[in-house]
């Protein structure tokens, strides 16, 4: 009984926290800013090895990234990376040069997205994961069976 209590009370929570902090974490999509790629009610797995030292794949233009929202560091946002450090991004006829160590992000649903056009570029160190796969999706209590297991691209 003592071994069971130690495993459930100490080892399992520590292992769960380690996996969530370093490998994979699930995120709920609350808004329509990434439609049609991600829908409100989608729950996805994010690869937390992304943008970490030793990870084989670097941050790339077109990736769907999870990052710390610059105006509220307790909130995560998910957007598509459209500009890498050094890129020149043309937005509404104006040009921006993306600073070193930062990325420019935009939602796929441009008219309903609060993104770098509103809050500026995002430091690379604030990018915490890459969207990989939907594991659940629902709309007002109805499961969207066709979306379950879909790889996010």
N, C-alpha and C. Protein backbone atom coordinates (compact mmCIF):
# COMPACT_ATOMS: atom_id res chain seq x y z
N UNK A 1 0.82 -1.18 0.00
CA UNK A 1 0.00 0.00 0.00
C UNK A 1 0.87 1.25 0.00
N UNK A 2 1.97 1.22 0.77
CA UNK A 2 2.87 2.37 0.83
C UNK A 2 3.50 2.64 -0.53
N UNK A 3 3.90 1.58 -1.23
CA UNK A 3 4.49 1.74 -2.57
C UNK A 3 3.47 2.36 -3.52
N UNK A 4 2.24 1.89 -3.47
CA UNK A 4 1.18 2.43 -4.32
C UNK A 4 0.95 3.91 -4.02
N UNK A 5 0.91 4.27 -2.78
CA UNK A 5 0.71 5.67 -2.39
C UNK A 5 1.88 6.54 -2.85
N UNK A 6 3.10 6.05 -2.69
CA UNK A 6 4.28 6.81 -3.13
C UNK A 6 4.27 7.01 -4.64
N UNK A 7 3.93 5.95 -5.38
CA UNK A 7 3.88 6.06 -6.84
C UNK A 7 2.82 7.05 -7.29
N UNK A 8 1.62 6.92 -6.74
CA UNK A 8 0.52 7.80 -7.14
C UNK A 8 0.65 9.20 -6.58
N UNK A 9 1.24 9.33 -5.42
CA UNK A 9 1.32 10.63 -4.78
C UNK A 9 2.55 11.44 -5.13
N UNK A 10 3.64 10.77 -5.52
CA UNK A 10 4.89 11.48 -5.78
C UNK A 10 5.41 11.23 -7.19
N UNK A 11 5.64 9.97 -7.53
CA UNK A 11 6.28 9.64 -8.81
C UNK A 11 5.43 10.04 -10.01
N UNK A 12 4.15 9.69 -10.00
CA UNK A 12 3.29 9.99 -11.14
C UNK A 12 3.15 11.49 -11.39
N UNK A 13 2.89 12.30 -10.36
CA UNK A 13 2.83 13.75 -10.61
C UNK A 13 4.15 14.34 -11.12
N UNK A 14 5.27 13.86 -10.60
CA UNK A 14 6.57 14.34 -11.08
C UNK A 14 6.79 13.97 -12.54
N UNK A 15 6.46 12.74 -12.89
CA UNK A 15 6.61 12.29 -14.28
C UNK A 15 5.68 13.07 -15.20
N UNK A 16 4.46 13.27 -14.78
CA UNK A 16 3.49 14.03 -15.58
C UNK A 16 3.98 15.46 -15.81
N UNK A 17 4.46 16.10 -14.76
CA UNK A 17 4.98 17.47 -14.89
C UNK A 17 6.19 17.52 -15.83
N UNK A 18 7.08 16.54 -15.73
CA UNK A 18 8.26 16.50 -16.59
C UNK A 18 7.85 16.36 -18.06
N UNK A 19 6.94 15.45 -18.35
CA UNK A 19 6.48 15.24 -19.73
C UNK A 19 5.82 16.51 -20.25
N UNK A 20 4.96 17.12 -19.45
CA UNK A 20 4.25 18.34 -19.87
C UNK A 20 5.22 19.50 -20.09
N UNK A 21 6.25 19.62 -19.27
CA UNK A 21 7.19 20.72 -19.39
C UNK A 21 8.20 20.54 -20.51
N UNK A 22 8.54 19.30 -20.87
CA UNK A 22 9.64 19.06 -21.80
C UNK A 22 9.27 18.35 -23.10
N UNK A 23 8.17 17.60 -23.15
CA UNK A 23 7.89 16.80 -24.34
C UNK A 23 6.59 17.15 -25.05
N UNK A 24 5.49 17.02 -24.35
CA UNK A 24 4.19 17.22 -25.01
C UNK A 24 3.18 17.78 -24.01
N UNK A 25 2.33 18.67 -24.51
CA UNK A 25 1.27 19.24 -23.67
C UNK A 25 0.05 19.45 -24.54
N UNK A 26 -1.12 19.33 -23.96
CA UNK A 26 -2.34 19.58 -24.73
C UNK A 26 -2.78 21.03 -24.53
N UNK A 27 -3.38 21.58 -25.57
CA UNK A 27 -3.89 22.95 -25.54
C UNK A 27 -5.27 22.98 -26.15
N UNK A 28 -6.16 23.77 -25.57
CA UNK A 28 -7.52 23.96 -26.04
C UNK A 28 -7.58 25.22 -26.91
N UNK A 29 -8.25 25.14 -28.03
CA UNK A 29 -8.40 26.30 -28.93
C UNK A 29 -9.73 26.98 -28.61
N UNK A 30 -9.70 28.21 -28.06
CA UNK A 30 -10.93 28.87 -27.64
C UNK A 30 -11.54 29.80 -28.69
N UNK A 31 -10.76 30.18 -29.73
CA UNK A 31 -11.24 31.22 -30.65
C UNK A 31 -11.16 30.77 -32.10
N UNK A 32 -11.68 31.62 -32.97
CA UNK A 32 -11.71 31.32 -34.41
C UNK A 32 -10.53 31.94 -35.15
N UNK A 33 -9.51 32.41 -34.45
CA UNK A 33 -8.41 33.12 -35.10
C UNK A 33 -7.55 32.25 -36.01
N UNK A 34 -7.61 30.92 -35.85
CA UNK A 34 -6.81 30.02 -36.69
C UNK A 34 -7.66 29.21 -37.66
N UNK A 35 -8.94 29.60 -37.85
CA UNK A 35 -9.79 28.91 -38.82
C UNK A 35 -9.25 29.13 -40.22
N UNK A 36 -9.32 28.19 -41.11
CA UNK A 36 -9.98 26.89 -41.01
C UNK A 36 -9.08 25.78 -40.45
N UNK A 37 -7.80 26.07 -40.20
CA UNK A 37 -6.88 25.04 -39.73
C UNK A 37 -7.29 24.49 -38.37
N UNK A 38 -7.54 25.38 -37.42
CA UNK A 38 -7.96 24.99 -36.08
C UNK A 38 -9.29 25.66 -35.77
N UNK A 39 -10.20 24.91 -35.17
CA UNK A 39 -11.53 25.41 -34.88
C UNK A 39 -11.73 25.59 -33.38
N UNK A 40 -12.61 26.52 -32.97
CA UNK A 40 -12.92 26.61 -31.55
C UNK A 40 -13.43 25.25 -31.06
N UNK A 41 -12.91 24.79 -29.94
CA UNK A 41 -13.30 23.49 -29.41
C UNK A 41 -12.30 22.38 -29.74
N UNK A 42 -11.31 22.67 -30.58
CA UNK A 42 -10.25 21.69 -30.84
C UNK A 42 -9.33 21.60 -29.64
N UNK A 43 -8.83 20.41 -29.36
CA UNK A 43 -7.80 20.20 -28.35
C UNK A 43 -6.68 19.46 -29.05
N UNK A 44 -5.47 20.00 -28.95
CA UNK A 44 -4.36 19.44 -29.71
C UNK A 44 -3.18 19.12 -28.81
N UNK A 45 -2.30 18.28 -29.34
CA UNK A 45 -1.03 18.02 -28.69
C UNK A 45 0.01 18.94 -29.31
N UNK A 46 0.83 19.55 -28.45
CA UNK A 46 1.92 20.41 -28.91
C UNK A 46 3.24 19.76 -28.53
N UNK A 47 4.18 19.79 -29.45
CA UNK A 47 5.53 19.27 -29.23
C UNK A 47 6.33 20.33 -28.49
N UNK A 48 6.66 20.06 -27.23
CA UNK A 48 7.38 21.03 -26.41
C UNK A 48 8.90 20.97 -26.61
N UNK A 49 9.37 20.01 -27.43
CA UNK A 49 10.81 19.96 -27.75
C UNK A 49 11.14 21.01 -28.80
N UNK A 50 10.13 21.52 -29.45
CA UNK A 50 10.26 22.54 -30.49
C UNK A 50 10.93 23.79 -29.92
N UNK A 51 11.86 24.33 -30.67
CA UNK A 51 12.55 25.56 -30.30
C UNK A 51 13.39 25.40 -29.03
N UNK A 52 13.89 24.21 -28.80
CA UNK A 52 14.76 23.93 -27.64
C UNK A 52 16.14 23.54 -28.14
N UNK A 53 17.18 23.81 -27.36
CA UNK A 53 18.53 23.38 -27.74
C UNK A 53 18.56 21.87 -27.94
N UNK A 54 19.22 21.45 -29.01
CA UNK A 54 19.35 20.02 -29.30
C UNK A 54 18.23 19.45 -30.15
N UNK A 55 17.14 20.20 -30.36
CA UNK A 55 16.06 19.72 -31.20
C UNK A 55 16.48 19.87 -32.65
N UNK A 56 16.26 18.85 -33.45
CA UNK A 56 16.78 18.81 -34.81
C UNK A 56 16.12 19.80 -35.76
N UNK A 57 14.86 20.14 -35.53
CA UNK A 57 14.15 21.02 -36.44
C UNK A 57 14.07 22.43 -35.86
N UNK A 58 14.58 23.40 -36.60
CA UNK A 58 14.52 24.80 -36.17
C UNK A 58 13.13 25.37 -36.47
N UNK A 59 12.83 26.50 -35.85
CA UNK A 59 11.59 27.22 -36.12
C UNK A 59 11.58 27.60 -37.59
N UNK A 60 10.46 27.32 -38.26
CA UNK A 60 10.35 27.59 -39.69
C UNK A 60 9.12 28.42 -40.00
N UNK A 61 9.22 29.16 -41.07
CA UNK A 61 8.08 29.92 -41.56
C UNK A 61 6.97 28.93 -41.92
N UNK A 62 5.76 29.19 -41.49
CA UNK A 62 4.63 28.30 -41.76
C UNK A 62 4.27 27.40 -40.60
N UNK A 63 5.15 27.26 -39.61
CA UNK A 63 4.85 26.44 -38.43
C UNK A 63 3.73 27.09 -37.63
N UNK A 64 2.90 26.25 -37.02
CA UNK A 64 1.88 26.73 -36.09
C UNK A 64 2.46 26.58 -34.70
N UNK A 65 2.73 27.72 -34.07
CA UNK A 65 3.47 27.74 -32.81
C UNK A 65 2.60 28.22 -31.65
N UNK A 66 2.88 27.67 -30.48
CA UNK A 66 2.28 28.12 -29.23
C UNK A 66 3.33 28.99 -28.55
N UNK A 67 2.91 30.16 -28.07
CA UNK A 67 3.85 31.09 -27.46
C UNK A 67 3.19 31.84 -26.32
N UNK A 68 4.02 32.41 -25.47
CA UNK A 68 3.53 33.23 -24.36
C UNK A 68 3.06 34.56 -24.94
N UNK A 69 1.82 34.93 -24.63
CA UNK A 69 1.25 36.18 -25.11
C UNK A 69 2.01 37.34 -24.48
N UNK A 70 2.57 38.24 -25.30
CA UNK A 70 3.42 39.32 -24.75
C UNK A 70 2.73 40.26 -23.76
N UNK A 71 1.42 40.45 -23.89
CA UNK A 71 0.73 41.40 -23.01
C UNK A 71 0.15 40.76 -21.75
N UNK A 72 0.25 39.43 -21.64
CA UNK A 72 -0.20 38.72 -20.44
C UNK A 72 0.56 37.41 -20.37
N UNK A 73 1.64 37.39 -19.64
CA UNK A 73 2.57 36.25 -19.63
C UNK A 73 2.00 35.00 -18.97
N UNK A 74 0.74 35.05 -18.53
CA UNK A 74 0.09 33.86 -17.99
C UNK A 74 -0.78 33.18 -19.05
N UNK A 75 -0.82 33.74 -20.26
CA UNK A 75 -1.69 33.25 -21.33
C UNK A 75 -0.85 32.77 -22.51
N UNK A 76 -1.30 31.68 -23.13
CA UNK A 76 -0.65 31.18 -24.34
C UNK A 76 -1.52 31.50 -25.55
N UNK A 77 -0.87 31.84 -26.65
CA UNK A 77 -1.54 32.06 -27.93
C UNK A 77 -1.01 31.03 -28.91
N UNK A 78 -1.79 30.78 -29.96
CA UNK A 78 -1.35 29.90 -31.04
C UNK A 78 -1.57 30.63 -32.35
N UNK A 79 -0.51 30.74 -33.13
CA UNK A 79 -0.56 31.44 -34.42
C UNK A 79 0.45 30.79 -35.37
N UNK A 80 0.36 31.16 -36.64
CA UNK A 80 1.29 30.69 -37.64
C UNK A 80 2.48 31.65 -37.73
N UNK A 81 3.68 31.10 -37.79
CA UNK A 81 4.88 31.93 -37.95
C UNK A 81 4.98 32.34 -39.42
N UNK A 82 4.95 33.64 -39.68
CA UNK A 82 5.02 34.13 -41.05
C UNK A 82 6.30 34.91 -41.32
N UNK A 83 7.04 35.27 -40.27
CA UNK A 83 8.28 36.01 -40.45
C UNK A 83 9.33 35.54 -39.46
N UNK A 84 10.52 35.26 -39.96
CA UNK A 84 11.65 34.83 -39.15
C UNK A 84 12.60 36.00 -38.91
N UNK A 85 13.56 35.86 -37.97
CA UNK A 85 14.51 36.95 -37.73
C UNK A 85 15.19 37.40 -39.02
N UNK A 86 15.15 38.70 -39.26
CA UNK A 86 15.78 39.27 -40.45
C UNK A 86 14.84 39.41 -41.64
N UNK A 87 13.68 38.75 -41.62
CA UNK A 87 12.72 38.86 -42.72
C UNK A 87 12.13 40.26 -42.77
N UNK A 88 11.72 40.66 -43.95
CA UNK A 88 10.96 41.89 -44.12
C UNK A 88 9.53 41.47 -44.43
N UNK A 89 8.60 41.90 -43.60
CA UNK A 89 7.20 41.52 -43.74
C UNK A 89 6.43 42.74 -44.24
N UNK A 90 5.65 42.57 -45.30
CA UNK A 90 4.83 43.64 -45.85
C UNK A 90 3.40 43.46 -45.32
N UNK A 91 2.97 44.37 -44.46
CA UNK A 91 1.64 44.30 -43.86
C UNK A 91 0.89 45.58 -44.18
N UNK A 92 -0.25 45.43 -44.87
CA UNK A 92 -1.10 46.58 -45.21
C UNK A 92 -0.32 47.70 -45.88
N UNK A 93 0.58 47.34 -46.78
CA UNK A 93 1.33 48.34 -47.53
C UNK A 93 2.55 48.89 -46.81
N UNK A 94 2.69 48.60 -45.53
CA UNK A 94 3.87 49.04 -44.79
C UNK A 94 4.82 47.87 -44.59
N UNK A 95 6.10 48.18 -44.43
CA UNK A 95 7.09 47.12 -44.26
C UNK A 95 7.67 47.14 -42.86
N UNK A 96 8.03 45.98 -42.35
CA UNK A 96 8.62 45.81 -41.03
C UNK A 96 9.85 44.86 -41.23
N UNK A 97 10.91 45.15 -40.68
CA UNK A 97 12.02 44.18 -40.58
C UNK A 97 11.93 43.49 -39.25
N UNK A 98 11.82 42.11 -39.28
CA UNK A 98 11.70 41.32 -38.05
C UNK A 98 13.05 41.34 -37.34
N UNK A 99 13.08 41.77 -36.05
CA UNK A 99 14.35 41.86 -35.31
C UNK A 99 14.98 40.49 -35.07
N UNK A 100 16.27 40.48 -34.83
CA UNK A 100 16.99 39.25 -34.50
C UNK A 100 16.39 38.64 -33.24
N UNK A 101 16.26 37.32 -33.23
CA UNK A 101 15.76 36.62 -32.05
C UNK A 101 14.27 36.71 -31.85
N UNK A 102 13.52 37.15 -32.88
CA UNK A 102 12.07 37.28 -32.76
C UNK A 102 11.39 36.75 -34.01
N UNK A 103 10.09 36.47 -33.92
CA UNK A 103 9.29 36.01 -35.05
C UNK A 103 8.04 36.86 -35.17
N UNK A 104 7.50 36.88 -36.37
CA UNK A 104 6.26 37.58 -36.65
C UNK A 104 5.19 36.51 -36.84
N UNK A 105 4.06 36.64 -36.12
CA UNK A 105 3.02 35.61 -36.14
C UNK A 105 1.69 36.21 -36.58
N UNK A 106 0.90 35.38 -37.28
CA UNK A 106 -0.44 35.81 -37.70
C UNK A 106 -1.38 34.62 -37.62
N UNK A 107 -2.64 34.90 -37.33
CA UNK A 107 -3.67 33.87 -37.37
C UNK A 107 -4.07 33.59 -38.81
N UNK A 108 -4.50 32.36 -39.09
CA UNK A 108 -4.96 32.02 -40.44
C UNK A 108 -6.22 32.78 -40.81
N UNK A 109 -7.06 33.08 -39.86
CA UNK A 109 -8.28 33.86 -40.06
C UNK A 109 -7.92 35.32 -39.82
N UNK A 110 -7.33 35.93 -40.83
CA UNK A 110 -6.73 37.27 -40.68
C UNK A 110 -7.68 38.33 -40.14
N UNK A 111 -8.97 38.24 -40.49
CA UNK A 111 -9.91 39.28 -40.05
C UNK A 111 -10.34 39.11 -38.60
N UNK A 112 -10.12 37.93 -38.01
CA UNK A 112 -10.57 37.68 -36.63
C UNK A 112 -9.40 37.27 -35.74
N UNK A 113 -8.21 37.78 -36.05
CA UNK A 113 -7.04 37.36 -35.30
C UNK A 113 -6.32 38.54 -34.66
N UNK A 114 -6.04 38.39 -33.38
CA UNK A 114 -5.18 39.34 -32.67
C UNK A 114 -3.79 38.74 -32.73
N UNK A 115 -2.87 39.38 -33.46
CA UNK A 115 -1.56 38.78 -33.71
C UNK A 115 -0.48 39.86 -33.74
N UNK A 116 0.64 39.59 -34.40
CA UNK A 116 1.76 40.53 -34.40
C UNK A 116 1.40 41.89 -34.97
N UNK A 117 0.34 41.97 -35.74
CA UNK A 117 -0.12 43.27 -36.22
C UNK A 117 -0.61 44.13 -35.05
N UNK A 118 -1.03 43.48 -33.96
CA UNK A 118 -1.54 44.19 -32.78
C UNK A 118 -0.51 44.32 -31.67
N UNK A 119 0.24 43.22 -31.39
CA UNK A 119 1.13 43.21 -30.24
C UNK A 119 2.61 43.13 -30.59
N UNK A 120 2.95 43.16 -31.87
CA UNK A 120 4.35 43.16 -32.29
C UNK A 120 4.94 41.77 -32.40
N UNK A 121 6.24 41.74 -32.61
CA UNK A 121 6.93 40.46 -32.78
C UNK A 121 7.03 39.71 -31.45
N UNK A 122 7.31 38.41 -31.55
CA UNK A 122 7.38 37.53 -30.38
C UNK A 122 8.82 37.04 -30.22
N UNK A 123 9.42 37.20 -29.04
CA UNK A 123 10.77 36.67 -28.83
C UNK A 123 10.79 35.15 -28.99
N UNK A 124 11.82 34.63 -29.66
CA UNK A 124 11.93 33.19 -29.86
C UNK A 124 11.89 32.41 -28.55
N UNK A 125 12.43 32.97 -27.47
CA UNK A 125 12.42 32.25 -26.20
C UNK A 125 11.00 32.09 -25.64
N UNK A 126 10.03 32.86 -26.15
CA UNK A 126 8.64 32.72 -25.71
C UNK A 126 7.86 31.69 -26.52
N UNK A 127 8.45 31.16 -27.58
CA UNK A 127 7.81 30.10 -28.37
C UNK A 127 8.04 28.79 -27.61
N UNK A 128 6.95 28.17 -27.14
CA UNK A 128 7.07 27.02 -26.24
C UNK A 128 6.65 25.69 -26.85
N UNK A 129 6.09 25.71 -28.06
CA UNK A 129 5.68 24.44 -28.65
C UNK A 129 5.18 24.61 -30.07
N UNK A 130 5.06 23.47 -30.74
CA UNK A 130 4.54 23.44 -32.11
C UNK A 130 3.33 22.52 -32.14
N UNK A 131 2.23 23.00 -32.72
CA UNK A 131 1.01 22.20 -32.84
C UNK A 131 1.29 20.99 -33.71
N UNK A 132 0.91 19.80 -33.23
CA UNK A 132 1.20 18.56 -33.97
C UNK A 132 -0.05 17.80 -34.41
N UNK A 133 -0.96 17.53 -33.45
CA UNK A 133 -2.07 16.65 -33.79
C UNK A 133 -3.28 16.94 -32.91
N UNK A 134 -4.47 16.91 -33.54
CA UNK A 134 -5.71 17.07 -32.80
C UNK A 134 -6.03 15.75 -32.10
N UNK A 135 -6.36 15.80 -30.84
CA UNK A 135 -6.78 14.57 -30.17
C UNK A 135 -8.25 14.61 -29.79
N UNK A 136 -8.86 15.80 -29.87
CA UNK A 136 -10.29 15.90 -29.61
C UNK A 136 -10.81 17.17 -30.25
N UNK A 137 -12.09 17.15 -30.64
CA UNK A 137 -12.72 18.33 -31.21
C UNK A 137 -14.22 18.24 -30.97
N UNK A 138 -14.79 19.35 -30.49
CA UNK A 138 -16.25 19.37 -30.31
C UNK A 138 -16.78 20.77 -30.57
N UNK A 139 -18.06 20.80 -30.90
CA UNK A 139 -18.76 22.06 -31.14
C UNK A 139 -20.07 22.01 -30.39
N UNK A 140 -20.18 22.77 -29.32
CA UNK A 140 -21.38 22.83 -28.49
C UNK A 140 -21.84 21.44 -28.06
N UNK A 141 -20.89 20.63 -27.61
CA UNK A 141 -21.21 19.30 -27.10
C UNK A 141 -21.25 18.20 -28.14
N UNK A 142 -21.17 18.54 -29.42
CA UNK A 142 -21.17 17.53 -30.48
C UNK A 142 -19.73 17.24 -30.89
N UNK A 143 -19.35 15.97 -30.83
CA UNK A 143 -17.98 15.59 -31.19
C UNK A 143 -17.81 15.65 -32.70
N UNK A 144 -16.74 16.28 -33.14
CA UNK A 144 -16.39 16.33 -34.58
C UNK A 144 -15.48 15.13 -34.87
N UNK A 145 -16.08 13.98 -35.10
CA UNK A 145 -15.34 12.73 -35.28
C UNK A 145 -14.33 12.80 -36.41
N UNK A 146 -14.65 13.51 -37.47
CA UNK A 146 -13.76 13.58 -38.64
C UNK A 146 -12.45 14.32 -38.36
N UNK A 147 -12.39 15.08 -37.27
CA UNK A 147 -11.19 15.84 -36.93
C UNK A 147 -10.26 15.10 -35.97
N UNK A 148 -10.76 14.08 -35.28
CA UNK A 148 -9.96 13.35 -34.30
C UNK A 148 -8.75 12.70 -34.94
N UNK A 149 -7.57 12.96 -34.39
CA UNK A 149 -6.34 12.38 -34.91
C UNK A 149 -5.71 13.12 -36.07
N UNK A 150 -6.36 14.18 -36.54
CA UNK A 150 -5.85 14.95 -37.69
C UNK A 150 -4.52 15.60 -37.35
N UNK A 151 -3.55 15.47 -38.25
CA UNK A 151 -2.25 16.12 -38.09
C UNK A 151 -2.42 17.60 -38.46
N UNK A 152 -1.88 18.48 -37.63
CA UNK A 152 -2.01 19.92 -37.85
C UNK A 152 -0.92 20.39 -38.80
N UNK A 153 -1.32 21.05 -39.88
CA UNK A 153 -0.36 21.56 -40.87
C UNK A 153 -0.62 23.00 -41.19
